[in-house]
Amino acid sequence: MSKPRVFISSTFYDLRLVRLELDKFLRVLGYEPVRNETGDIPYGKTESLEKYCYKEIENVDILISIIGSRFGTSCEGDKARSISNVELKTALKENKHVFIFIEKNVFIEYETYLLNKDKDIEYKYVDNPNIYRFIEEIKALPNNNNIKDFETADDITSYLREQFAGLMKQYFIDEQKYRETNIIKDINTTADTLKKLVDYIQNTNQDKQE
């Protein structure tokens, strides 16, 4: 039986323990976590390593984006974006289920950034103001921008447990609607067939009378 594949996207060194806890949580649920550090992403030799990360997102069902205090490694061709930034953008472009979590101190200081983004100031909880610029960008998206703050990995897993349960409930509702729709289609098809039969009988009788 195929399992839902979940891509865990974040910087590594500052969030490695959170990534590990998420991996355990997903495996208990029977999901398949995809983490770069455990060799879950197949790398070829024709393109850069980060491009293989983006390609792997096409093969997952869910992406969990965790934004902390570290900017991480810049992506190719755009120093203002990190690789984890582009991973999230790729998932949104591919219309994947996306869950975004921001470290609580970073989330609070984001309000300070909004008041001072045109000024050259240093921020306490991030090592690069581009983190706040990216948060501003994703908060402005018309959809797929449900953002939650967190302090511990438990905050993330508790929220995901509720969300996954909600998705399963919605699946059952959609399945029931699908069955009901098929029943209605069958009724309409039968009614159309009966109408044609009645019309045929009437026409046949009319020809005999004439």
Protein backbone atom coordinates (compact mmCIF):
# COMPACT_ATOMS: atom_id res chain seq x y z
CA MET A 1 0.00 0.00 0.00
CA SER A 2 1.39 3.39 -0.95
CA LYS A 3 1.97 5.87 1.86
CA PRO A 4 1.57 9.65 1.88
CA ARG A 5 5.01 11.16 1.31
CA VAL A 6 5.84 14.23 3.40
CA PHE A 7 8.76 16.52 2.55
CA ILE A 8 10.30 18.22 5.61
CA SER A 9 11.75 21.57 4.53
CA SER A 10 13.89 23.74 6.81
CA THR A 11 17.43 24.74 7.60
CA PHE A 12 19.29 21.85 9.18
CA TYR A 13 21.65 22.76 12.01
CA ASP A 14 19.30 24.96 14.05
CA LEU A 15 16.23 22.76 13.48
CA ARG A 16 17.71 19.26 13.26
CA LEU A 17 16.02 18.09 16.49
CA VAL A 18 12.65 19.36 15.28
CA ARG A 19 13.19 17.55 11.99
CA LEU A 20 14.00 14.33 13.85
CA GLU A 21 10.87 14.56 16.00
CA LEU A 22 8.74 15.20 12.92
CA ASP A 23 10.27 12.16 11.24
CA LYS A 24 9.30 9.96 14.21
CA PHE A 25 5.79 11.44 14.34
CA LEU A 26 5.17 10.82 10.63
CA ARG A 27 6.43 7.25 10.77
CA VAL A 28 4.10 6.44 13.68
CA LEU A 29 1.20 7.65 11.52
CA GLY A 30 2.33 5.38 8.71
CA TYR A 31 3.48 8.26 6.50
CA GLU A 32 6.79 8.38 4.64
CA PRO A 33 8.95 11.37 5.67
CA VAL A 34 11.39 12.76 3.10
CA ARG A 35 14.52 14.32 4.61
CA ASN A 36 17.64 15.36 2.77
CA GLU A 37 20.00 14.32 5.59
CA THR A 38 18.81 10.71 5.60
CA GLY A 39 19.35 10.09 1.89
CA ASP A 40 15.66 10.17 0.94
CA ILE A 41 16.36 12.38 -2.09
CA PRO A 42 17.99 10.66 -5.09
CA TYR A 43 20.77 12.80 -6.53
CA GLY A 44 21.92 12.46 -10.12
CA LYS A 45 25.00 13.89 -11.75
CA THR A 46 23.57 16.16 -14.44
CA GLU A 47 22.26 19.00 -12.25
CA SER A 48 23.02 20.75 -8.96
CA LEU A 49 22.03 19.08 -5.69
CA GLU A 50 19.41 21.68 -4.86
CA LYS A 51 17.59 21.13 -8.15
CA TYR A 52 17.13 17.47 -7.27
CA CYS A 53 15.48 18.63 -4.03
CA TYR A 54 13.01 20.71 -6.02
CA LYS A 55 12.32 17.80 -8.39
CA GLU A 56 11.60 15.46 -5.48
CA ILE A 57 8.83 17.80 -4.31
CA GLU A 58 6.91 16.81 -7.45
CA ASN A 59 6.76 13.26 -6.03
CA VAL A 60 5.45 14.09 -2.54
CA ASP A 61 1.93 14.73 -1.24
CA ILE A 62 2.63 17.19 1.57
CA LEU A 63 5.37 19.71 2.36
CA ILE A 64 6.02 20.92 5.91
CA SER A 65 7.94 24.19 5.89
CA ILE A 66 9.64 25.21 9.14
CA ILE A 67 11.07 28.72 9.33
CA GLY A 68 13.50 29.47 12.13
CA SER A 69 16.18 32.01 12.92
CA ARG A 70 18.73 30.88 10.32
CA PHE A 71 18.55 31.89 6.67
CA GLY A 72 20.52 28.90 5.46
CA THR A 73 22.14 28.44 2.06
CA SER A 74 21.20 30.81 -0.75
CA CYS A 75 19.70 29.25 -3.84
CA GLU A 76 21.35 29.42 -7.22
CA GLY A 77 20.81 32.70 -9.02
CA ASP A 78 19.06 34.50 -6.16
CA LYS A 79 21.01 35.36 -3.01
CA ALA A 80 17.90 36.85 -1.41
CA ARG A 81 16.22 33.42 -1.27
CA SER A 82 17.35 30.33 0.58
CA ILE A 83 16.97 26.78 -0.69
CA SER A 84 14.19 26.14 1.84
CA ASN A 85 12.41 29.25 0.52
CA VAL A 86 12.44 27.85 -2.99
CA GLU A 87 11.31 24.43 -1.74
CA LEU A 88 8.19 26.04 -0.30
CA LYS A 89 7.57 28.06 -3.46
CA THR A 90 7.96 24.90 -5.54
CA ALA A 91 5.41 23.03 -3.43
CA LEU A 92 2.92 25.88 -3.79
CA LYS A 93 3.47 25.95 -7.54
CA GLU A 94 2.91 22.18 -7.70
CA ASN A 95 -0.32 22.60 -5.70
CA LYS A 96 0.81 20.34 -2.85
CA HIS A 97 -0.67 20.38 0.63
CA VAL A 98 1.52 22.86 2.53
CA PHE A 99 1.87 23.52 6.26
CA ILE A 100 4.03 26.47 7.35
CA PHE A 101 5.47 26.85 10.85
CA ILE A 102 7.48 29.82 12.13
CA GLU A 103 9.51 29.88 15.32
CA LYS A 104 7.59 31.94 17.86
CA ASN A 105 10.28 34.57 18.56
CA VAL A 106 10.76 35.07 14.83
CA PHE A 107 7.01 35.35 14.33
CA ILE A 108 6.73 38.02 17.05
CA GLU A 109 9.68 40.03 15.76
CA TYR A 110 8.15 39.95 12.28
CA GLU A 111 5.80 42.72 13.46
CA THR A 112 8.86 44.83 14.30
CA TYR A 113 10.16 44.20 10.79
CA LEU A 114 6.92 45.48 9.27
CA LEU A 115 7.34 48.76 11.15
CA ASN A 116 11.00 49.14 10.19
CA LYS A 117 11.47 47.32 6.89
CA ASP A 118 12.60 50.48 5.10
CA LYS A 119 15.27 51.08 7.71
CA ASP A 120 18.70 49.53 8.05
CA ILE A 121 18.47 47.88 11.45
CA GLU A 122 19.62 44.63 13.04
CA TYR A 123 17.13 42.07 14.27
CA LYS A 124 17.52 39.99 17.40
CA TYR A 125 16.07 36.65 16.37
CA VAL A 126 17.16 36.21 12.74
CA ASP A 127 20.57 36.24 11.10
CA ASN A 128 19.22 37.68 7.85
CA PRO A 129 16.31 40.10 7.27
CA ASN A 130 15.47 38.22 4.07
CA ILE A 131 13.72 35.73 6.36
CA TYR A 132 11.18 38.42 7.20
CA ARG A 133 10.91 39.49 3.58
CA PHE A 134 10.02 35.94 2.63
CA ILE A 135 7.45 35.67 5.44
CA GLU A 136 5.87 38.86 4.14
CA GLU A 137 5.72 37.33 0.68
CA ILE A 138 4.05 34.09 1.72
CA LYS A 139 1.56 35.87 4.00
CA ALA A 140 0.45 37.88 0.96
CA LEU A 141 -0.40 34.76 -1.05
CA PRO A 142 -4.11 34.30 -1.82
CA ASN A 143 -4.13 30.67 -0.61
CA ASN A 144 -1.97 27.96 0.95
CA ASN A 145 -0.62 30.42 3.51
CA ASN A 146 -1.93 28.96 6.76
CA ILE A 147 0.92 29.89 9.10
CA LYS A 148 1.35 28.74 12.70
CA ASP A 149 3.97 29.73 15.24
CA PHE A 150 5.70 27.13 17.41
CA GLU A 151 8.07 26.81 20.35
CA THR A 152 8.65 23.06 20.38
CA ALA A 153 8.27 20.12 18.03
CA ASP A 154 5.21 19.08 20.08
CA ASP A 155 3.45 22.27 18.97
CA ILE A 156 3.97 21.24 15.36
CA THR A 157 2.97 17.59 15.77
CA SER A 158 -0.17 18.46 17.76
CA TYR A 159 -1.33 20.83 15.03
CA LEU A 160 -0.52 18.36 12.25
CA ARG A 161 -2.38 15.57 14.04
CA GLU A 162 -5.55 17.69 14.01
CA GLN A 163 -5.02 18.72 10.40
CA PHE A 164 -4.42 15.18 9.16
CA ALA A 165 -7.54 14.00 10.98
CA GLY A 166 -9.48 16.80 9.28
CA LEU A 167 -8.14 15.80 5.87
CA MET A 168 -9.22 12.19 6.48
CA LYS A 169 -12.70 13.34 7.50
CA GLN A 170 -12.94 15.45 4.33
CA TYR A 171 -11.88 12.43 2.28
CA PHE A 172 -14.79 10.39 3.70
CA ILE A 173 -17.21 13.25 2.96
CA ASP A 174 -15.93 13.60 -0.62
CA GLU A 175 -16.14 9.82 -1.12
CA GLN A 176 -19.78 9.82 0.02
CA LYS A 177 -20.59 12.72 -2.32
CA TYR A 178 -18.91 10.83 -5.17
CA ARG A 179 -21.09 7.77 -4.55
CA GLU A 180 -24.23 9.92 -4.38
CA THR A 181 -23.29 11.67 -7.62
CA ASN A 182 -22.84 8.31 -9.36
CA ILE A 183 -26.24 7.15 -8.11
CA ILE A 184 -27.86 10.28 -9.53
CA LYS A 185 -26.08 9.72 -12.85
CA ASP A 186 -27.37 6.13 -12.96
CA ILE A 187 -30.92 7.31 -12.24
CA ASN A 188 -30.70 9.93 -14.98
CA THR A 189 -29.35 7.36 -17.45
CA THR A 190 -32.15 4.92 -16.58
CA ALA A 191 -34.79 7.65 -16.91
CA ASP A 192 -33.42 8.64 -20.31
CA THR A 193 -33.49 5.00 -21.47
CA LEU A 194 -37.10 4.57 -20.29
CA LYS A 195 -38.14 7.76 -22.08
CA LYS A 196 -36.63 6.48 -25.32
CA LEU A 197 -38.44 3.16 -24.84
CA VAL A 198 -41.78 4.87 -24.21
CA ASP A 199 -41.29 7.08 -27.26
CA TYR A 200 -40.50 4.02 -29.37
CA ILE A 201 -43.61 2.16 -28.19
CA GLN A 202 -45.81 5.18 -28.81
CA ASN A 203 -44.42 5.63 -32.32
CA THR A 204 -44.84 1.92 -33.06
CA ASN A 205 -48.47 1.92 -31.89
CA GLN A 206 -49.16 5.05 -33.90
CA ASP A 207 -47.86 3.39 -37.06
CA LYS A 208 -50.10 0.33 -36.48
CA GLN A 209 -53.19 2.53 -35.97
CA GLU A 210 -52.49 4.36 -39.21
